[in-house]
Amino acid sequence: MGIEAVVFDLDGVIIDSEEVWEEVRRGYVAEYDREFLPDTQDRMMGMSTPEWSGHLAHEVGVPRTPEQVATDVLNRMAERYRTSLPLIPGSVEAVRRLGAHFPLGLASSSARILIDQVLETAGLTGAFRVTLSTEEVPRGKPAPDVYLAAAEKLGLSPAVCAAVEDSSNGLRSAAAAGMAVIAVPHGVYPPAADALAQASLTVKNIAELTPEAIDTLR
């Protein structure tokens, strides 16, 4: 049983966005004289928009509703992506290289507005047959919902799909969905050992990802 499709994560795989997210959200929180909790950054990696905006509103204490927090932060992020997209070197080429051999999906914790903006700025609009935000499924990562939905929309079993992920929650999500997991660990925000252990293949950077490597997974 070979791999028939590849599903990419976005943040940390195609764009090096975690530092941008942290900078924007820390700055936003500071405007209200609040500070991140010790585990806020780690907890928010992979969370859906309602989850992280709820965390900032209810636990960090930003005096805005989660919906208002989400709108505020997402608008700031979209503007950053329009003017300065933090593409990971080799990521666009990897998407095009794999897209020549496999149908592609995108399963991201980013909001739809950011997914669409990144793909437009990167010139990748149309490169993916399916794009999904965790906003559009019941639960965010590490639950498997977004990867299960991506496989369903591709018309395939998760067992014949490979997922490309970097974060602990993302790796756990793809593994829970039953996909073959490829880890591209982030240098600044590396995944936990137990999450990384669920990967069938680990590459140092996205430029190493080839159709031949995908073919070895099953």
C-alpha atoms as a PDB file:
ATOM      1  CA  MET A   1       0.000   0.000   0.000  1.00  0.00           C
ATOM      2  CA  GLY A   2       1.786   3.102  -1.244  1.00  0.00           C
ATOM      3  CA  ILE A   3       1.315   6.784  -0.500  1.00  0.00           C
ATOM      4  CA  GLU A   4      -1.216   8.400  -2.826  1.00  0.00           C
ATOM      5  CA  ALA A   5      -1.375  11.978  -1.478  1.00  0.00           C
ATOM      6  CA  VAL A   6       0.613  14.370   0.692  1.00  0.00           C
ATOM      7  CA  VAL A   7      -0.927  16.780   3.197  1.00  0.00           C
ATOM      8  CA  PHE A   8       1.192  19.715   4.345  1.00  0.00           C
ATOM      9  CA  ASP A   9       0.997  21.721   7.508  1.00  0.00           C
ATOM     10  CA  LEU A  10       1.531  25.456   6.927  1.00  0.00           C
ATOM     11  CA  ASP A  11       3.144  27.138   9.916  1.00  0.00           C
ATOM     12  CA  GLY A  12       6.650  25.836  10.544  1.00  0.00           C
ATOM     13  CA  VAL A  13       6.664  23.814   7.311  1.00  0.00           C
ATOM     14  CA  ILE A  14       6.002  26.290   4.490  1.00  0.00           C
ATOM     15  CA  ILE A  15       6.372  29.525   6.415  1.00  0.00           C
ATOM     16  CA  ASP A  16       8.567  30.188   9.445  1.00  0.00           C
ATOM     17  CA  SER A  17       5.747  31.869  11.280  1.00  0.00           C
ATOM     18  CA  GLU A  18       6.029  30.843  14.919  1.00  0.00           C
ATOM     19  CA  GLU A  19       8.306  33.763  15.769  1.00  0.00           C
ATOM     20  CA  VAL A  20       5.951  36.131  13.924  1.00  0.00           C
ATOM     21  CA  TRP A  21       2.953  34.704  15.799  1.00  0.00           C
ATOM     22  CA  GLU A  22       4.795  35.049  19.096  1.00  0.00           C
ATOM     23  CA  GLU A  23       5.900  38.624  18.341  1.00  0.00           C
ATOM     24  CA  VAL A  24       2.439  39.740  17.237  1.00  0.00           C
ATOM     25  CA  ARG A  25       0.577  38.061  20.102  1.00  0.00           C
ATOM     26  CA  ARG A  26       3.064  39.144  22.772  1.00  0.00           C
ATOM     27  CA  GLY A  27       2.849  42.720  21.500  1.00  0.00           C
ATOM     28  CA  TYR A  28      -0.932  42.562  21.480  1.00  0.00           C
ATOM     29  CA  VAL A  29      -1.095  41.178  25.017  1.00  0.00           C
ATOM     30  CA  ALA A  30       1.366  43.815  26.245  1.00  0.00           C
ATOM     31  CA  GLU A  31      -0.889  46.590  24.934  1.00  0.00           C
ATOM     32  CA  TYR A  32      -3.357  45.492  27.618  1.00  0.00           C
ATOM     33  CA  ASP A  33      -0.641  45.300  30.303  1.00  0.00           C
ATOM     34  CA  ARG A  34      -0.748  41.504  30.326  1.00  0.00           C
ATOM     35  CA  GLU A  35       2.017  38.916  29.912  1.00  0.00           C
ATOM     36  CA  PHE A  36       2.178  35.394  28.507  1.00  0.00           C
ATOM     37  CA  LEU A  37       1.946  32.626  31.078  1.00  0.00           C
ATOM     38  CA  PRO A  38       5.062  30.392  31.279  1.00  0.00           C
ATOM     39  CA  ASP A  39       3.490  27.782  28.971  1.00  0.00           C
ATOM     40  CA  THR A  40       1.390  30.067  26.758  1.00  0.00           C
ATOM     41  CA  GLN A  41       3.559  29.856  23.622  1.00  0.00           C
ATOM     42  CA  ASP A  42       3.916  26.065  23.750  1.00  0.00           C
ATOM     43  CA  ARG A  43       0.223  25.586  24.430  1.00  0.00           C
ATOM     44  CA  MET A  44      -0.880  27.808  21.555  1.00  0.00           C
ATOM     45  CA  MET A  45       1.201  25.995  18.910  1.00  0.00           C
ATOM     46  CA  GLY A  46      -1.311  23.988  16.901  1.00  0.00           C
ATOM     47  CA  MET A  47      -4.379  25.446  18.628  1.00  0.00           C
ATOM     48  CA  SER A  48      -7.311  26.524  16.476  1.00  0.00           C
ATOM     49  CA  THR A  49      -8.318  30.180  16.379  1.00  0.00           C
ATOM     50  CA  PRO A  50     -11.135  29.831  18.968  1.00  0.00           C
ATOM     51  CA  GLU A  51      -8.761  27.913  21.250  1.00  0.00           C
ATOM     52  CA  TRP A  52      -5.841  30.375  21.268  1.00  0.00           C
ATOM     53  CA  SER A  53      -8.043  33.462  21.326  1.00  0.00           C
ATOM     54  CA  GLY A  54      -9.934  31.955  24.271  1.00  0.00           C
ATOM     55  CA  HIS A  55      -6.638  31.283  26.030  1.00  0.00           C
ATOM     56  CA  LEU A  56      -5.513  34.901  25.601  1.00  0.00           C
ATOM     57  CA  ALA A  57      -8.885  36.260  26.737  1.00  0.00           C
ATOM     58  CA  HIS A  58      -9.690  33.931  29.624  1.00  0.00           C
ATOM     59  CA  GLU A  59      -6.330  32.754  30.942  1.00  0.00           C
ATOM     60  CA  VAL A  60      -3.860  35.489  29.986  1.00  0.00           C
ATOM     61  CA  GLY A  61      -6.519  38.073  30.806  1.00  0.00           C
ATOM     62  CA  VAL A  62      -6.827  40.293  27.724  1.00  0.00           C
ATOM     63  CA  PRO A  63     -10.016  42.302  28.407  1.00  0.00           C
ATOM     64  CA  ARG A  64     -11.630  41.480  25.068  1.00  0.00           C
ATOM     65  CA  THR A  65     -13.903  38.651  23.994  1.00  0.00           C
ATOM     66  CA  PRO A  66     -12.228  35.704  22.258  1.00  0.00           C
ATOM     67  CA  GLU A  67     -13.908  36.789  19.019  1.00  0.00           C
ATOM     68  CA  GLN A  68     -12.476  40.294  19.343  1.00  0.00           C
ATOM     69  CA  VAL A  69      -9.029  38.931  20.201  1.00  0.00           C
ATOM     70  CA  ALA A  70      -9.115  36.689  17.138  1.00  0.00           C
ATOM     71  CA  THR A  71     -10.113  39.532  14.807  1.00  0.00           C
ATOM     72  CA  ASP A  72      -7.476  41.873  16.218  1.00  0.00           C
ATOM     73  CA  VAL A  73      -4.615  39.386  15.972  1.00  0.00           C
ATOM     74  CA  LEU A  74      -5.586  37.869  12.617  1.00  0.00           C
ATOM     75  CA  ASN A  75      -5.785  41.280  10.961  1.00  0.00           C
ATOM     76  CA  ARG A  76      -2.281  42.074  12.201  1.00  0.00           C
ATOM     77  CA  MET A  77      -0.959  38.728  10.984  1.00  0.00           C
ATOM     78  CA  ALA A  78      -2.566  39.091   7.542  1.00  0.00           C
ATOM     79  CA  GLU A  79      -0.959  42.503   7.105  1.00  0.00           C
ATOM     80  CA  ARG A  80       2.436  41.064   8.001  1.00  0.00           C
ATOM     81  CA  TYR A  81       1.969  38.273   5.444  1.00  0.00           C
ATOM     82  CA  ARG A  82       0.980  40.717   2.712  1.00  0.00           C
ATOM     83  CA  THR A  83       4.129  42.754   3.156  1.00  0.00           C
ATOM     84  CA  SER A  84       6.736  40.318   4.493  1.00  0.00           C
ATOM     85  CA  LEU A  85       6.027  36.618   4.141  1.00  0.00           C
ATOM     86  CA  PRO A  86       8.490  34.491   6.151  1.00  0.00           C
ATOM     87  CA  LEU A  87       8.847  31.646   3.653  1.00  0.00           C
ATOM     88  CA  ILE A  88      11.042  28.747   4.717  1.00  0.00           C
ATOM     89  CA  PRO A  89      13.843  28.303   2.140  1.00  0.00           C
ATOM     90  CA  GLY A  90      12.959  25.516  -0.274  1.00  0.00           C
ATOM     91  CA  SER A  91       9.335  25.183   0.851  1.00  0.00           C
ATOM     92  CA  VAL A  92       7.683  26.503  -2.308  1.00  0.00           C
ATOM     93  CA  GLU A  93       9.952  24.305  -4.431  1.00  0.00           C
ATOM     94  CA  ALA A  94       9.111  21.280  -2.243  1.00  0.00           C
ATOM     95  CA  VAL A  95       5.382  21.891  -2.680  1.00  0.00           C
ATOM     96  CA  ARG A  96       5.754  22.129  -6.450  1.00  0.00           C
ATOM     97  CA  ARG A  97       8.101  19.115  -6.577  1.00  0.00           C
ATOM     98  CA  LEU A  98       5.709  16.875  -4.652  1.00  0.00           C
ATOM     99  CA  GLY A  99       2.693  18.333  -6.425  1.00  0.00           C
ATOM    100  CA  ALA A 100       4.056  17.038  -9.722  1.00  0.00           C
ATOM    101  CA  HIS A 101       3.727  13.483  -8.357  1.00  0.00           C
ATOM    102  CA  PHE A 102       0.920  13.541  -5.761  1.00  0.00           C
ATOM    103  CA  PRO A 103      -2.351  15.359  -5.129  1.00  0.00           C
ATOM    104  CA  LEU A 104      -1.713  17.751  -2.259  1.00  0.00           C
ATOM    105  CA  GLY A 105      -3.700  18.892   0.741  1.00  0.00           C
ATOM    106  CA  LEU A 106      -3.089  21.572   3.344  1.00  0.00           C
ATOM    107  CA  ALA A 107      -4.201  21.084   6.958  1.00  0.00           C
ATOM    108  CA  SER A 108      -3.422  24.143   9.054  1.00  0.00           C
ATOM    109  CA  SER A 109      -4.202  25.574  12.452  1.00  0.00           C
ATOM    110  CA  SER A 110      -4.127  29.022  10.874  1.00  0.00           C
ATOM    111  CA  ALA A 111      -7.357  30.829  10.142  1.00  0.00           C
ATOM    112  CA  ARG A 112      -8.766  30.743   6.622  1.00  0.00           C
ATOM    113  CA  ILE A 113      -7.892  34.423   6.077  1.00  0.00           C
ATOM    114  CA  LEU A 114      -4.216  33.637   6.743  1.00  0.00           C
ATOM    115  CA  ILE A 115      -4.096  30.430   4.688  1.00  0.00           C
ATOM    116  CA  ASP A 116      -5.468  32.261   1.666  1.00  0.00           C
ATOM    117  CA  GLN A 117      -3.122  35.229   2.161  1.00  0.00           C
ATOM    118  CA  VAL A 118      -0.023  33.022   2.490  1.00  0.00           C
ATOM    119  CA  LEU A 119      -0.858  31.019  -0.630  1.00  0.00           C
ATOM    120  CA  GLU A 120      -1.534  34.196  -2.616  1.00  0.00           C
ATOM    121  CA  THR A 121       1.681  35.915  -1.528  1.00  0.00           C
ATOM    122  CA  ALA A 122       3.737  32.745  -2.078  1.00  0.00           C
ATOM    123  CA  GLY A 123       2.269  32.111  -5.524  1.00  0.00           C
ATOM    124  CA  LEU A 124       0.819  28.782  -4.409  1.00  0.00           C
ATOM    125  CA  THR A 125      -2.875  29.460  -4.937  1.00  0.00           C
ATOM    126  CA  GLY A 126      -4.138  26.384  -6.769  1.00  0.00           C
ATOM    127  CA  ALA A 127      -1.188  24.181  -5.768  1.00  0.00           C
ATOM    128  CA  PHE A 128      -3.335  22.293  -3.249  1.00  0.00           C
ATOM    129  CA  ARG A 129      -6.389  20.271  -4.177  1.00  0.00           C
ATOM    130  CA  VAL A 130      -7.734  20.687  -0.634  1.00  0.00           C
ATOM    131  CA  THR A 131      -7.026  23.370   1.967  1.00  0.00           C
ATOM    132  CA  LEU A 132      -8.463  23.191   5.466  1.00  0.00           C
ATOM    133  CA  SER A 133      -8.248  25.265   8.611  1.00  0.00           C
ATOM    134  CA  THR A 134      -8.881  23.773  12.026  1.00  0.00           C
ATOM    135  CA  GLU A 135     -11.559  26.487  12.249  1.00  0.00           C
ATOM    136  CA  GLU A 136     -13.514  24.321   9.818  1.00  0.00           C
ATOM    137  CA  VAL A 137     -13.495  21.111  11.895  1.00  0.00           C
ATOM    138  CA  PRO A 138     -14.771  20.431  15.423  1.00  0.00           C
ATOM    139  CA  ARG A 139     -11.387  20.186  17.161  1.00  0.00           C
ATOM    140  CA  GLY A 140      -7.917  21.591  16.588  1.00  0.00           C
ATOM    141  CA  LYS A 141      -4.644  19.713  16.690  1.00  0.00           C
ATOM    142  CA  PRO A 142      -3.601  17.397  18.417  1.00  0.00           C
ATOM    143  CA  ALA A 143      -7.036  15.936  17.644  1.00  0.00           C
ATOM    144  CA  PRO A 144      -7.003  14.227  14.226  1.00  0.00           C
ATOM    145  CA  ASP A 145     -10.041  16.065  12.853  1.00  0.00           C
ATOM    146  CA  VAL A 146      -8.332  18.322  10.298  1.00  0.00           C
ATOM    147  CA  TYR A 147      -6.282  15.474   8.808  1.00  0.00           C
ATOM    148  CA  LEU A 148      -9.272  13.143   8.680  1.00  0.00           C
ATOM    149  CA  ALA A 149     -11.255  15.856   6.901  1.00  0.00           C
ATOM    150  CA  ALA A 150      -8.407  16.477   4.447  1.00  0.00           C
ATOM    151  CA  ALA A 151      -8.232  12.787   3.544  1.00  0.00           C
ATOM    152  CA  GLU A 152     -12.014  12.648   3.120  1.00  0.00           C
ATOM    153  CA  LYS A 153     -11.996  15.659   0.795  1.00  0.00           C
ATOM    154  CA  LEU A 154      -9.154  14.086  -1.199  1.00  0.00           C
ATOM    155  CA  GLY A 155     -11.323  10.973  -1.513  1.00  0.00           C
ATOM    156  CA  LEU A 156      -8.671   8.777   0.100  1.00  0.00           C
ATOM    157  CA  SER A 157      -8.109   6.720   3.221  1.00  0.00           C
ATOM    158  CA  PRO A 158      -5.764   8.403   5.713  1.00  0.00           C
ATOM    159  CA  ALA A 159      -3.648   5.240   5.504  1.00  0.00           C
ATOM    160  CA  VAL A 160      -2.503   6.173   1.987  1.00  0.00           C
ATOM    161  CA  CYS A 161      -1.745   9.790   2.875  1.00  0.00           C
ATOM    162  CA  ALA A 162       1.477  11.282   4.212  1.00  0.00           C
ATOM    163  CA  ALA A 163       1.483  14.354   6.462  1.00  0.00           C
ATOM    164  CA  VAL A 164       4.325  16.871   6.716  1.00  0.00           C
ATOM    165  CA  GLU A 165       4.508  18.425  10.180  1.00  0.00           C
ATOM    166  CA  ASP A 166       6.856  20.268  12.537  1.00  0.00           C
ATOM    167  CA  SER A 167       5.145  20.774  15.902  1.00  0.00           C
ATOM    168  CA  SER A 168       4.286  18.365  18.692  1.00  0.00           C
ATOM    169  CA  ASN A 169       0.541  18.905  18.315  1.00  0.00           C
ATOM    170  CA  GLY A 170       0.746  18.604  14.542  1.00  0.00           C
ATOM    171  CA  LEU A 171       2.701  15.359  14.656  1.00  0.00           C
ATOM    172  CA  ARG A 172       0.258  13.913  17.176  1.00  0.00           C
ATOM    173  CA  SER A 173      -2.701  15.014  15.060  1.00  0.00           C
ATOM    174  CA  ALA A 174      -1.443  13.398  11.869  1.00  0.00           C
ATOM    175  CA  ALA A 175      -0.453  10.194  13.670  1.00  0.00           C
ATOM    176  CA  ALA A 176      -3.856   9.975  15.362  1.00  0.00           C
ATOM    177  CA  ALA A 177      -5.483  10.262  11.935  1.00  0.00           C
ATOM    178  CA  GLY A 178      -3.513   7.222  10.769  1.00  0.00           C
ATOM    179  CA  MET A 179      -1.329   8.996   8.223  1.00  0.00           C
ATOM    180  CA  ALA A 180       2.340   8.320   7.571  1.00  0.00           C
ATOM    181  CA  VAL A 181       4.022  11.176   9.400  1.00  0.00           C
ATOM    182  CA  ILE A 182       7.006  13.142   8.117  1.00  0.00           C
ATOM    183  CA  ALA A 183       8.658  15.380  10.696  1.00  0.00           C
ATOM    184  CA  VAL A 184      10.503  18.565   9.795  1.00  0.00           C
ATOM    185  CA  PRO A 185      11.506  19.716  13.298  1.00  0.00           C
ATOM    186  CA  HIS A 186      11.674  23.450  13.880  1.00  0.00           C
ATOM    187  CA  GLY A 187      15.047  24.608  15.156  1.00  0.00           C
ATOM    188  CA  VAL A 188      13.661  27.142  17.640  1.00  0.00           C
ATOM    189  CA  TYR A 189      10.497  25.292  18.678  1.00  0.00           C
ATOM    190  CA  PRO A 190      11.431  21.573  18.434  1.00  0.00           C
ATOM    191  CA  PRO A 191       8.730  18.956  18.981  1.00  0.00           C
ATOM    192  CA  ALA A 192       8.567  16.845  22.113  1.00  0.00           C
ATOM    193  CA  ALA A 193      10.351  13.506  21.969  1.00  0.00           C
ATOM    194  CA  ASP A 194       7.157  11.471  22.269  1.00  0.00           C
ATOM    195  CA  ALA A 195       5.587  13.359  19.345  1.00  0.00           C
ATOM    196  CA  LEU A 196       8.697  13.054  17.182  1.00  0.00           C
ATOM    197  CA  ALA A 197       8.752   9.310  17.849  1.00  0.00           C
ATOM    198  CA  GLN A 198       5.486   8.992  15.894  1.00  0.00           C
ATOM    199  CA  ALA A 199       7.147  10.094  12.657  1.00  0.00           C
ATOM    200  CA  SER A 200       7.955   7.503  10.010  1.00  0.00           C
ATOM    201  CA  LEU A 201      10.505   9.857   8.456  1.00  0.00           C
ATOM    202  CA  THR A 202      12.404  12.842   9.855  1.00  0.00           C
ATOM    203  CA  VAL A 203      14.174  15.319   7.581  1.00  0.00           C
ATOM    204  CA  LYS A 204      16.448  18.178   8.604  1.00  0.00           C
ATOM    205  CA  ASN A 205      14.732  20.657   6.320  1.00  0.00           C
ATOM    206  CA  ILE A 206      11.924  20.808   3.797  1.00  0.00           C
ATOM    207  CA  ALA A 207      14.376  20.954   0.878  1.00  0.00           C
ATOM    208  CA  GLU A 208      15.227  17.287   1.581  1.00  0.00           C
ATOM    209  CA  LEU A 209      11.656  16.189   0.912  1.00  0.00           C
ATOM    210  CA  THR A 210      11.414  14.373  -2.422  1.00  0.00           C
ATOM    211  CA  PRO A 211       8.921  12.063  -4.147  1.00  0.00           C
ATOM    212  CA  GLU A 212      11.454   9.267  -3.693  1.00  0.00           C
ATOM    213  CA  ALA A 213      11.467   9.828   0.075  1.00  0.00           C
ATOM    214  CA  ILE A 214       7.653   9.718   0.110  1.00  0.00           C
ATOM    215  CA  ASP A 215       7.704   6.433  -1.776  1.00  0.00           C
ATOM    216  CA  THR A 216       9.689   4.753   1.035  1.00  0.00           C
ATOM    217  CA  LEU A 217       7.047   5.434   3.685  1.00  0.00           C
ATOM    218  CA  ARG A 218       4.757   2.421   3.241  1.00  0.00           C
END
